[in-house]
Amino acid sequence: MAKISSNLSLVWTRLFFITVCLLLASCASLQPKLEQPTVKVAGLQLLPAQGFTQPIEVSLLIANPNDRDLSLRGISYTVGIENFDVLSGVSNELPLLTAYKETPVKVVVSANVIQLVRLLEHFSRTGVREEVNYNFSAKLDFSAWLPALRVNEKGAIPLATKK
């Protein structure tokens, strides 16, 4: 009798384990598929200096190509010039990204002084060309139910006017 009870307990334990695994697998498949938002750097503006730091406001345009509004919990971002990550920041004060719209977002970045010195040294060795390459990378953190999205934008800033 004890052996039958032990076997029955083992069967119930296995059945419970299999059920939990199936439930977890089905919940993972319910995660909505989202198109990746695109981020464009629309402008940079110097803000009043604060001691030895120079805050810079970065104007972004974030396009939401999805059929639902996206609520951002936070964003972390880096702006690089000529492959030197010179500006970075984080923010949790963000607007709702409306479905199928481009939303203007303003964030404040702070300068990485060491990387700025390296960038200046790079320009002193190579000279400043007619255009400077930049890259913007960000991690967009949504609600607990949606995965974070990483966005990368690259481009060139023309420095010389064409004749």
C-alpha atoms as a PDB file:
ATOM      1  CA  MET A   1       0.000   0.000   0.000  1.00  0.00           C
ATOM      2  CA  ALA A   2       2.858   2.398   0.860  1.00  0.00           C
ATOM      3  CA  LYS A   3       4.495   1.634  -2.498  1.00  0.00           C
ATOM      4  CA  ILE A   4       1.298   2.521  -4.420  1.00  0.00           C
ATOM      5  CA  SER A   5       1.011   5.771  -2.450  1.00  0.00           C
ATOM      6  CA  SER A   6       4.657   6.597  -3.197  1.00  0.00           C
ATOM      7  CA  ASN A   7       4.184   5.911  -6.943  1.00  0.00           C
ATOM      8  CA  LEU A   8       1.003   7.993  -6.989  1.00  0.00           C
ATOM      9  CA  SER A   9       2.820  10.872  -5.293  1.00  0.00           C
ATOM     10  CA  LEU A  10       5.615  10.645  -7.873  1.00  0.00           C
ATOM     11  CA  VAL A  11       3.076  10.698 -10.734  1.00  0.00           C
ATOM     12  CA  TRP A  12       1.358  13.807  -9.280  1.00  0.00           C
ATOM     13  CA  THR A  13       4.703  15.543  -8.806  1.00  0.00           C
ATOM     14  CA  ARG A  14       5.694  14.878 -12.417  1.00  0.00           C
ATOM     15  CA  LEU A  15       2.275  15.946 -13.685  1.00  0.00           C
ATOM     16  CA  PHE A  16       2.505  19.174 -11.675  1.00  0.00           C
ATOM     17  CA  PHE A  17       6.011  19.889 -13.023  1.00  0.00           C
ATOM     18  CA  ILE A  18       4.924  19.285 -16.644  1.00  0.00           C
ATOM     19  CA  THR A  19       1.866  21.537 -16.172  1.00  0.00           C
ATOM     20  CA  VAL A  20       4.000  24.364 -14.771  1.00  0.00           C
ATOM     21  CA  CYS A  21       6.453  24.052 -17.681  1.00  0.00           C
ATOM     22  CA  LEU A  22       3.603  24.186 -20.216  1.00  0.00           C
ATOM     23  CA  LEU A  23       2.081  27.248 -18.529  1.00  0.00           C
ATOM     24  CA  LEU A  24       5.408  29.077 -18.522  1.00  0.00           C
ATOM     25  CA  ALA A  25       5.993  28.249 -22.190  1.00  0.00           C
ATOM     26  CA  SER A  26       2.521  29.469 -23.165  1.00  0.00           C
ATOM     27  CA  CYS A  27       2.962  32.735 -21.226  1.00  0.00           C
ATOM     28  CA  ALA A  28       6.255  33.383 -23.002  1.00  0.00           C
ATOM     29  CA  SER A  29       4.533  33.024 -26.378  1.00  0.00           C
ATOM     30  CA  LEU A  30       1.906  35.642 -25.429  1.00  0.00           C
ATOM     31  CA  GLN A  31       4.479  38.443 -25.395  1.00  0.00           C
ATOM     32  CA  PRO A  32       3.403  40.948 -28.079  1.00  0.00           C
ATOM     33  CA  LYS A  33       5.562  41.358 -31.160  1.00  0.00           C
ATOM     34  CA  LEU A  34       6.583  44.975 -31.537  1.00  0.00           C
ATOM     35  CA  GLU A  35       8.248  46.848 -34.342  1.00  0.00           C
ATOM     36  CA  GLN A  36      11.335  48.686 -33.178  1.00  0.00           C
ATOM     37  CA  PRO A  37      10.787  52.440 -32.764  1.00  0.00           C
ATOM     38  CA  THR A  38      13.144  54.657 -34.699  1.00  0.00           C
ATOM     39  CA  VAL A  39      14.995  57.529 -33.090  1.00  0.00           C
ATOM     40  CA  LYS A  40      16.309  60.590 -34.918  1.00  0.00           C
ATOM     41  CA  VAL A  41      18.527  63.234 -33.395  1.00  0.00           C
ATOM     42  CA  ALA A  42      16.742  66.485 -34.289  1.00  0.00           C
ATOM     43  CA  GLY A  43      18.976  68.986 -32.519  1.00  0.00           C
ATOM     44  CA  LEU A  44      21.464  69.862 -29.796  1.00  0.00           C
ATOM     45  CA  GLN A  45      21.352  72.917 -27.530  1.00  0.00           C
ATOM     46  CA  LEU A  46      23.806  74.076 -24.871  1.00  0.00           C
ATOM     47  CA  LEU A  47      22.176  74.690 -21.496  1.00  0.00           C
ATOM     48  CA  PRO A  48      23.565  77.026 -18.802  1.00  0.00           C
ATOM     49  CA  ALA A  49      26.783  75.600 -17.347  1.00  0.00           C
ATOM     50  CA  GLN A  50      26.613  74.054 -13.880  1.00  0.00           C
ATOM     51  CA  GLY A  51      30.021  74.292 -12.262  1.00  0.00           C
ATOM     52  CA  PHE A  52      32.498  72.284 -14.319  1.00  0.00           C
ATOM     53  CA  THR A  53      29.821  70.444 -16.300  1.00  0.00           C
ATOM     54  CA  GLN A  54      28.159  71.570 -19.484  1.00  0.00           C
ATOM     55  CA  PRO A  55      24.701  70.024 -19.858  1.00  0.00           C
ATOM     56  CA  ILE A  56      23.411  69.671 -23.403  1.00  0.00           C
ATOM     57  CA  GLU A  57      19.782  69.209 -24.380  1.00  0.00           C
ATOM     58  CA  VAL A  58      19.283  66.650 -27.149  1.00  0.00           C
ATOM     59  CA  SER A  59      16.042  66.876 -29.126  1.00  0.00           C
ATOM     60  CA  LEU A  60      14.892  63.487 -30.380  1.00  0.00           C
ATOM     61  CA  LEU A  61      12.061  62.367 -32.613  1.00  0.00           C
ATOM     62  CA  ILE A  62      10.896  58.869 -31.662  1.00  0.00           C
ATOM     63  CA  ALA A  63       8.611  57.215 -34.229  1.00  0.00           C
ATOM     64  CA  ASN A  64       6.313  54.459 -32.949  1.00  0.00           C
ATOM     65  CA  PRO A  65       5.446  52.147 -35.907  1.00  0.00           C
ATOM     66  CA  ASN A  66       3.149  49.960 -33.772  1.00  0.00           C
ATOM     67  CA  ASP A  67      -0.637  49.773 -33.526  1.00  0.00           C
ATOM     68  CA  ARG A  68      -0.583  50.559 -29.803  1.00  0.00           C
ATOM     69  CA  ASP A  69       0.701  53.395 -27.663  1.00  0.00           C
ATOM     70  CA  LEU A  70       3.941  52.643 -25.861  1.00  0.00           C
ATOM     71  CA  SER A  71       4.593  53.905 -22.352  1.00  0.00           C
ATOM     72  CA  LEU A  72       8.265  54.426 -21.566  1.00  0.00           C
ATOM     73  CA  ARG A  73       9.543  53.827 -18.032  1.00  0.00           C
ATOM     74  CA  GLY A  74      12.983  55.128 -18.846  1.00  0.00           C
ATOM     75  CA  ILE A  75      15.677  55.643 -21.426  1.00  0.00           C
ATOM     76  CA  SER A  76      19.459  55.478 -21.257  1.00  0.00           C
ATOM     77  CA  TYR A  77      21.411  56.911 -24.151  1.00  0.00           C
ATOM     78  CA  THR A  78      24.859  57.684 -25.498  1.00  0.00           C
ATOM     79  CA  VAL A  79      25.947  60.101 -28.216  1.00  0.00           C
ATOM     80  CA  GLY A  80      29.247  59.351 -29.910  1.00  0.00           C
ATOM     81  CA  ILE A  81      31.318  61.479 -32.257  1.00  0.00           C
ATOM     82  CA  GLU A  82      33.889  59.740 -34.465  1.00  0.00           C
ATOM     83  CA  ASN A  83      33.464  56.571 -32.326  1.00  0.00           C
ATOM     84  CA  PHE A  84      34.156  58.403 -29.054  1.00  0.00           C
ATOM     85  CA  ASP A  85      31.220  58.179 -26.609  1.00  0.00           C
ATOM     86  CA  VAL A  86      31.318  61.805 -25.500  1.00  0.00           C
ATOM     87  CA  LEU A  87      27.777  62.357 -24.181  1.00  0.00           C
ATOM     88  CA  SER A  88      25.496  60.151 -22.096  1.00  0.00           C
ATOM     89  CA  GLY A  89      22.479  60.339 -19.842  1.00  0.00           C
ATOM     90  CA  VAL A  90      19.338  58.738 -18.462  1.00  0.00           C
ATOM     91  CA  SER A  91      15.772  59.948 -18.051  1.00  0.00           C
ATOM     92  CA  ASN A  92      12.491  58.690 -16.648  1.00  0.00           C
ATOM     93  CA  GLU A  93      10.430  61.790 -17.516  1.00  0.00           C
ATOM     94  CA  LEU A  94       9.173  60.749 -20.927  1.00  0.00           C
ATOM     95  CA  PRO A  95       5.950  61.255 -22.896  1.00  0.00           C
ATOM     96  CA  LEU A  96       3.674  58.500 -24.151  1.00  0.00           C
ATOM     97  CA  LEU A  97       4.739  57.263 -27.596  1.00  0.00           C
ATOM     98  CA  THR A  98       1.482  57.464 -29.549  1.00  0.00           C
ATOM     99  CA  ALA A  99       0.746  54.704 -32.081  1.00  0.00           C
ATOM    100  CA  TYR A 100       1.864  55.509 -35.634  1.00  0.00           C
ATOM    101  CA  LYS A 101       3.187  58.939 -34.669  1.00  0.00           C
ATOM    102  CA  GLU A 102       6.506  60.677 -34.245  1.00  0.00           C
ATOM    103  CA  THR A 103       6.881  62.035 -30.708  1.00  0.00           C
ATOM    104  CA  PRO A 104       9.325  64.828 -29.836  1.00  0.00           C
ATOM    105  CA  VAL A 105      11.403  63.994 -26.757  1.00  0.00           C
ATOM    106  CA  LYS A 106      13.985  66.203 -25.057  1.00  0.00           C
ATOM    107  CA  VAL A 107      16.700  64.691 -22.874  1.00  0.00           C
ATOM    108  CA  VAL A 108      19.720  66.189 -21.148  1.00  0.00           C
ATOM    109  CA  VAL A 109      23.162  64.665 -21.584  1.00  0.00           C
ATOM    110  CA  SER A 110      26.394  65.266 -19.740  1.00  0.00           C
ATOM    111  CA  ALA A 111      29.845  65.218 -21.273  1.00  0.00           C
ATOM    112  CA  ASN A 112      32.462  62.540 -20.639  1.00  0.00           C
ATOM    113  CA  VAL A 113      35.526  64.759 -20.190  1.00  0.00           C
ATOM    114  CA  ILE A 114      38.058  61.973 -20.810  1.00  0.00           C
ATOM    115  CA  GLN A 115      36.388  61.009 -24.084  1.00  0.00           C
ATOM    116  CA  LEU A 116      36.211  64.690 -25.094  1.00  0.00           C
ATOM    117  CA  VAL A 117      39.974  65.020 -24.553  1.00  0.00           C
ATOM    118  CA  ARG A 118      40.524  61.883 -26.650  1.00  0.00           C
ATOM    119  CA  LEU A 119      38.273  63.303 -29.373  1.00  0.00           C
ATOM    120  CA  LEU A 120      40.196  66.591 -29.422  1.00  0.00           C
ATOM    121  CA  GLU A 121      43.482  64.662 -29.600  1.00  0.00           C
ATOM    122  CA  HIS A 122      42.030  62.620 -32.494  1.00  0.00           C
ATOM    123  CA  PHE A 123      41.097  65.812 -34.368  1.00  0.00           C
ATOM    124  CA  SER A 124      44.540  67.323 -33.736  1.00  0.00           C
ATOM    125  CA  ARG A 125      46.153  64.219 -35.303  1.00  0.00           C
ATOM    126  CA  THR A 126      43.765  63.674 -38.219  1.00  0.00           C
ATOM    127  CA  GLY A 127      42.315  67.135 -38.772  1.00  0.00           C
ATOM    128  CA  VAL A 128      38.632  67.991 -38.967  1.00  0.00           C
ATOM    129  CA  ARG A 129      36.977  66.806 -42.177  1.00  0.00           C
ATOM    130  CA  GLU A 130      34.017  68.350 -44.006  1.00  0.00           C
ATOM    131  CA  GLU A 131      31.692  66.103 -42.028  1.00  0.00           C
ATOM    132  CA  VAL A 132      31.853  64.387 -38.664  1.00  0.00           C
ATOM    133  CA  ASN A 133      30.330  60.965 -38.008  1.00  0.00           C
ATOM    134  CA  TYR A 134      27.994  60.551 -35.052  1.00  0.00           C
ATOM    135  CA  ASN A 135      26.132  57.673 -33.490  1.00  0.00           C
ATOM    136  CA  PHE A 136      23.232  57.672 -31.060  1.00  0.00           C
ATOM    137  CA  SER A 137      22.408  54.524 -29.112  1.00  0.00           C
ATOM    138  CA  ALA A 138      19.602  54.159 -26.622  1.00  0.00           C
ATOM    139  CA  LYS A 139      17.876  51.551 -24.520  1.00  0.00           C
ATOM    140  CA  LEU A 140      14.136  52.175 -24.298  1.00  0.00           C
ATOM    141  CA  ASP A 141      12.660  50.533 -21.198  1.00  0.00           C
ATOM    142  CA  PHE A 142       8.918  49.894 -21.358  1.00  0.00           C
ATOM    143  CA  SER A 143       6.520  48.391 -18.840  1.00  0.00           C
ATOM    144  CA  ALA A 144       7.283  45.106 -17.109  1.00  0.00           C
ATOM    145  CA  TRP A 145       5.367  43.186 -19.812  1.00  0.00           C
ATOM    146  CA  LEU A 146       7.371  44.450 -22.771  1.00  0.00           C
ATOM    147  CA  PRO A 147      11.052  43.816 -23.421  1.00  0.00           C
ATOM    148  CA  ALA A 148      13.491  46.710 -23.574  1.00  0.00           C
ATOM    149  CA  LEU A 149      14.392  47.832 -27.078  1.00  0.00           C
ATOM    150  CA  ARG A 150      17.816  48.963 -28.205  1.00  0.00           C
ATOM    151  CA  VAL A 151      17.998  51.609 -30.904  1.00  0.00           C
ATOM    152  CA  ASN A 152      21.060  52.730 -32.866  1.00  0.00           C
ATOM    153  CA  GLU A 153      21.160  55.727 -35.197  1.00  0.00           C
ATOM    154  CA  LYS A 154      24.235  56.702 -37.222  1.00  0.00           C
ATOM    155  CA  GLY A 155      24.874  59.612 -39.496  1.00  0.00           C
ATOM    156  CA  ALA A 156      27.173  62.430 -40.488  1.00  0.00           C
ATOM    157  CA  ILE A 157      27.050  66.093 -39.536  1.00  0.00           C
ATOM    158  CA  PRO A 158      28.259  68.404 -42.320  1.00  0.00           C
ATOM    159  CA  LEU A 159      30.647  71.060 -41.015  1.00  0.00           C
ATOM    160  CA  ALA A 160      31.559  72.883 -44.217  1.00  0.00           C
ATOM    161  CA  THR A 161      29.055  74.546 -46.512  1.00  0.00           C
ATOM    162  CA  LYS A 162      29.099  73.339 -50.104  1.00  0.00           C
ATOM    163  CA  LYS A 163      30.007  75.904 -52.740  1.00  0.00           C
END
